[in-house]
């Protein structure tokens, strides 16, 4: 199996086999290990499944460039959904236009964009769920691995 034969899901679950406690992501003063990342992806994929998100559905993401984006990318891949990243610098009208074109089943929003997302939803009424995602735990195992 060559690197071109791997899926996103393969990569997410392969790394913890060899580097479970090693730091995978750093965002500000927070760190997440490869193992924690795989667990978080599983958890979010389970939430997507609970919401009825399945292969071919679109999940939009209105978040800053952060750990959240990678979680969403992995979870969408796990359930076969298509992630539609929205530019957080866009004007409301631009976000509305993208939403009307992609018709997501779910929109995951970081707290700082809740106002815009609620207004887009009110104007367009085109998706079913707004999920507010805030990831702010520190992975103690990754912190320990960083010191090794």
Foldseek 3Di string as FASTA:
>chain_A
DDPVPDDPLNVLVPCCVPWVLAWDDDDPPATDTSVRLSVLLVVVLVVCVVLVNAAAAEEEEQDDPGSVVVSVVSSCVVRNYHYHYDPNPDDLVVVLVVCVVRLHQEYEYEVVCVVSVVVSCVVRVRYDYYHYDDDDDHDPSNVVNVVD
